[in-house]
Amino acid sequence: MPDLNVHEQLTSTLAEAGLTPQALEELASQLLWRIGRTEVEGHVTVRVGLASSAEQFQILPRLRGASDAEIEAAVREGTLRLEWVGPRLRAGDR
């Protein structure tokens, strides 16, 4: 997907999961997220989960800070990692 812009990548990924951008908007106020580099591998990672999963964020390995340039490079290069924290959502569960 390196040729697609971020919006197109997000829309495509949501569609694969059976969700729409509107569904993500509805969930936005209930989500927690963290962005940074993993300590071990150094990959730029985005962790996302429901607010009810806040305790699980605390037990995961810490993410080191990532600059805007590092995040943009990871998106551009297609190396950005996305981790869902907590129970997986199904399209009908929102």
C-alpha atoms as a PDB file:
ATOM      1  CA  MET A   1       0.000   0.000   0.000  1.00  0.00           C
ATOM      2  CA  PRO A   2       2.909   2.465  -0.189  1.00  0.00           C
ATOM      3  CA  ASP A   3       1.252   4.347  -3.067  1.00  0.00           C
ATOM      4  CA  LEU A   4      -1.935   5.060  -1.132  1.00  0.00           C
ATOM      5  CA  ASN A   5      -2.244   8.087   1.102  1.00  0.00           C
ATOM      6  CA  VAL A   6      -3.033   7.678   4.802  1.00  0.00           C
ATOM      7  CA  HIS A   7      -6.781   8.309   4.367  1.00  0.00           C
ATOM      8  CA  GLU A   8      -7.023   5.666   1.640  1.00  0.00           C
ATOM      9  CA  GLN A   9      -5.020   3.194   3.761  1.00  0.00           C
ATOM     10  CA  LEU A  10      -7.288   3.800   6.764  1.00  0.00           C
ATOM     11  CA  THR A  11     -10.458   3.435   4.694  1.00  0.00           C
ATOM     12  CA  SER A  12      -9.153   0.223   3.137  1.00  0.00           C
ATOM     13  CA  THR A  13      -8.124  -1.254   6.494  1.00  0.00           C
ATOM     14  CA  LEU A  14     -11.475  -0.362   8.060  1.00  0.00           C
ATOM     15  CA  ALA A  15     -13.339  -1.936   5.130  1.00  0.00           C
ATOM     16  CA  GLU A  16     -11.326  -5.154   5.573  1.00  0.00           C
ATOM     17  CA  ALA A  17     -12.421  -5.176   9.230  1.00  0.00           C
ATOM     18  CA  GLY A  18     -16.061  -4.566   8.272  1.00  0.00           C
ATOM     19  CA  LEU A  19     -16.076  -0.998   9.652  1.00  0.00           C
ATOM     20  CA  THR A  20     -16.659   2.416   8.103  1.00  0.00           C
ATOM     21  CA  PRO A  21     -14.901   5.709   8.848  1.00  0.00           C
ATOM     22  CA  GLN A  22     -18.189   6.850  10.415  1.00  0.00           C
ATOM     23  CA  ALA A  23     -18.109   3.886  12.823  1.00  0.00           C
ATOM     24  CA  LEU A  24     -14.569   4.846  13.821  1.00  0.00           C
ATOM     25  CA  GLU A  25     -15.738   8.437  14.415  1.00  0.00           C
ATOM     26  CA  GLU A  26     -18.476   7.133  16.696  1.00  0.00           C
ATOM     27  CA  LEU A  27     -15.914   5.098  18.647  1.00  0.00           C
ATOM     28  CA  ALA A  28     -13.321   7.889  18.835  1.00  0.00           C
ATOM     29  CA  SER A  29     -14.439   9.250  22.194  1.00  0.00           C
ATOM     30  CA  GLN A  30     -14.187   5.750  23.681  1.00  0.00           C
ATOM     31  CA  LEU A  31     -10.662   4.992  22.413  1.00  0.00           C
ATOM     32  CA  LEU A  32      -7.239   5.321  23.986  1.00  0.00           C
ATOM     33  CA  TRP A  33      -4.134   5.409  21.843  1.00  0.00           C
ATOM     34  CA  ARG A  34      -0.371   5.634  22.192  1.00  0.00           C
ATOM     35  CA  ILE A  35       2.232   6.243  19.501  1.00  0.00           C
ATOM     36  CA  GLY A  36       5.944   5.569  19.857  1.00  0.00           C
ATOM     37  CA  ARG A  37       8.829   3.250  19.143  1.00  0.00           C
ATOM     38  CA  THR A  38       9.016  -0.198  20.660  1.00  0.00           C
ATOM     39  CA  GLU A  39      11.950  -0.621  23.036  1.00  0.00           C
ATOM     40  CA  VAL A  40      13.222  -3.859  21.528  1.00  0.00           C
ATOM     41  CA  GLU A  41      12.658  -3.576  17.768  1.00  0.00           C
ATOM     42  CA  GLY A  42      12.416   0.193  17.419  1.00  0.00           C
ATOM     43  CA  HIS A  43       9.376   0.058  15.119  1.00  0.00           C
ATOM     44  CA  VAL A  44       6.978   3.012  15.138  1.00  0.00           C
ATOM     45  CA  THR A  45       3.830   1.548  16.665  1.00  0.00           C
ATOM     46  CA  VAL A  46       0.308   2.812  17.269  1.00  0.00           C
ATOM     47  CA  ARG A  47      -1.579   1.097  20.089  1.00  0.00           C
ATOM     48  CA  VAL A  48      -5.332   1.573  20.115  1.00  0.00           C
ATOM     49  CA  GLY A  49      -7.997   0.173  22.417  1.00  0.00           C
ATOM     50  CA  LEU A  50     -11.210   0.959  24.208  1.00  0.00           C
ATOM     51  CA  ALA A  51     -11.004   3.079  27.344  1.00  0.00           C
ATOM     52  CA  SER A  52     -12.206   0.017  29.251  1.00  0.00           C
ATOM     53  CA  SER A  53      -8.857  -1.617  28.329  1.00  0.00           C
ATOM     54  CA  ALA A  54      -6.760   1.099  30.036  1.00  0.00           C
ATOM     55  CA  GLU A  55      -5.246  -1.384  32.513  1.00  0.00           C
ATOM     56  CA  GLN A  56      -3.951  -3.506  29.637  1.00  0.00           C
ATOM     57  CA  PHE A  57      -2.077  -0.501  28.210  1.00  0.00           C
ATOM     58  CA  GLN A  58      -0.194  -0.280  31.526  1.00  0.00           C
ATOM     59  CA  ILE A  59       1.129  -3.852  31.379  1.00  0.00           C
ATOM     60  CA  LEU A  60       2.434  -3.630  27.800  1.00  0.00           C
ATOM     61  CA  PRO A  61       6.098  -2.806  27.170  1.00  0.00           C
ATOM     62  CA  ARG A  62       6.677   0.938  27.183  1.00  0.00           C
ATOM     63  CA  LEU A  63       6.832   2.871  23.913  1.00  0.00           C
ATOM     64  CA  ARG A  64       9.614   5.434  23.517  1.00  0.00           C
ATOM     65  CA  GLY A  65       8.748   8.776  21.957  1.00  0.00           C
ATOM     66  CA  ALA A  66       8.729   9.063  18.165  1.00  0.00           C
ATOM     67  CA  SER A  67       9.079  12.372  16.358  1.00  0.00           C
ATOM     68  CA  ASP A  68       6.578  13.571  13.761  1.00  0.00           C
ATOM     69  CA  ALA A  69       9.218  12.961  11.072  1.00  0.00           C
ATOM     70  CA  GLU A  70       9.695   9.354  12.245  1.00  0.00           C
ATOM     71  CA  ILE A  71       5.950   8.740  12.224  1.00  0.00           C
ATOM     72  CA  GLU A  72       5.571  10.268   8.761  1.00  0.00           C
ATOM     73  CA  ALA A  73       8.471   8.158   7.445  1.00  0.00           C
ATOM     74  CA  ALA A  74       6.918   4.971   8.871  1.00  0.00           C
ATOM     75  CA  VAL A  75       3.589   5.780   7.204  1.00  0.00           C
ATOM     76  CA  ARG A  76       5.267   6.628   3.913  1.00  0.00           C
ATOM     77  CA  GLU A  77       7.410   3.462   3.981  1.00  0.00           C
ATOM     78  CA  GLY A  78       4.517   1.234   5.046  1.00  0.00           C
ATOM     79  CA  THR A  79       6.321   0.123   8.238  1.00  0.00           C
ATOM     80  CA  LEU A  80       3.937   1.636  10.801  1.00  0.00           C
ATOM     81  CA  ARG A  81       2.624  -1.079  13.128  1.00  0.00           C
ATOM     82  CA  LEU A  82      -0.871  -1.035  14.576  1.00  0.00           C
ATOM     83  CA  GLU A  83      -1.707  -2.983  17.745  1.00  0.00           C
ATOM     84  CA  TRP A  84      -5.198  -3.372  19.131  1.00  0.00           C
ATOM     85  CA  VAL A  85      -5.226  -3.503  22.941  1.00  0.00           C
ATOM     86  CA  GLY A  86      -8.027  -5.463  24.604  1.00  0.00           C
ATOM     87  CA  PRO A  87     -10.852  -7.595  23.254  1.00  0.00           C
ATOM     88  CA  ARG A  88     -11.370  -7.448  19.505  1.00  0.00           C
ATOM     89  CA  LEU A  89     -14.414  -5.536  18.296  1.00  0.00           C
ATOM     90  CA  ARG A  90     -16.819  -6.965  15.783  1.00  0.00           C
ATOM     91  CA  ALA A  91     -18.707  -4.659  13.407  1.00  0.00           C
ATOM     92  CA  GLY A  92     -21.979  -5.282  15.261  1.00  0.00           C
ATOM     93  CA  ASP A  93     -20.485  -4.491  18.702  1.00  0.00           C
ATOM     94  CA  ARG A  94     -20.106  -0.752  18.397  1.00  0.00           C
END
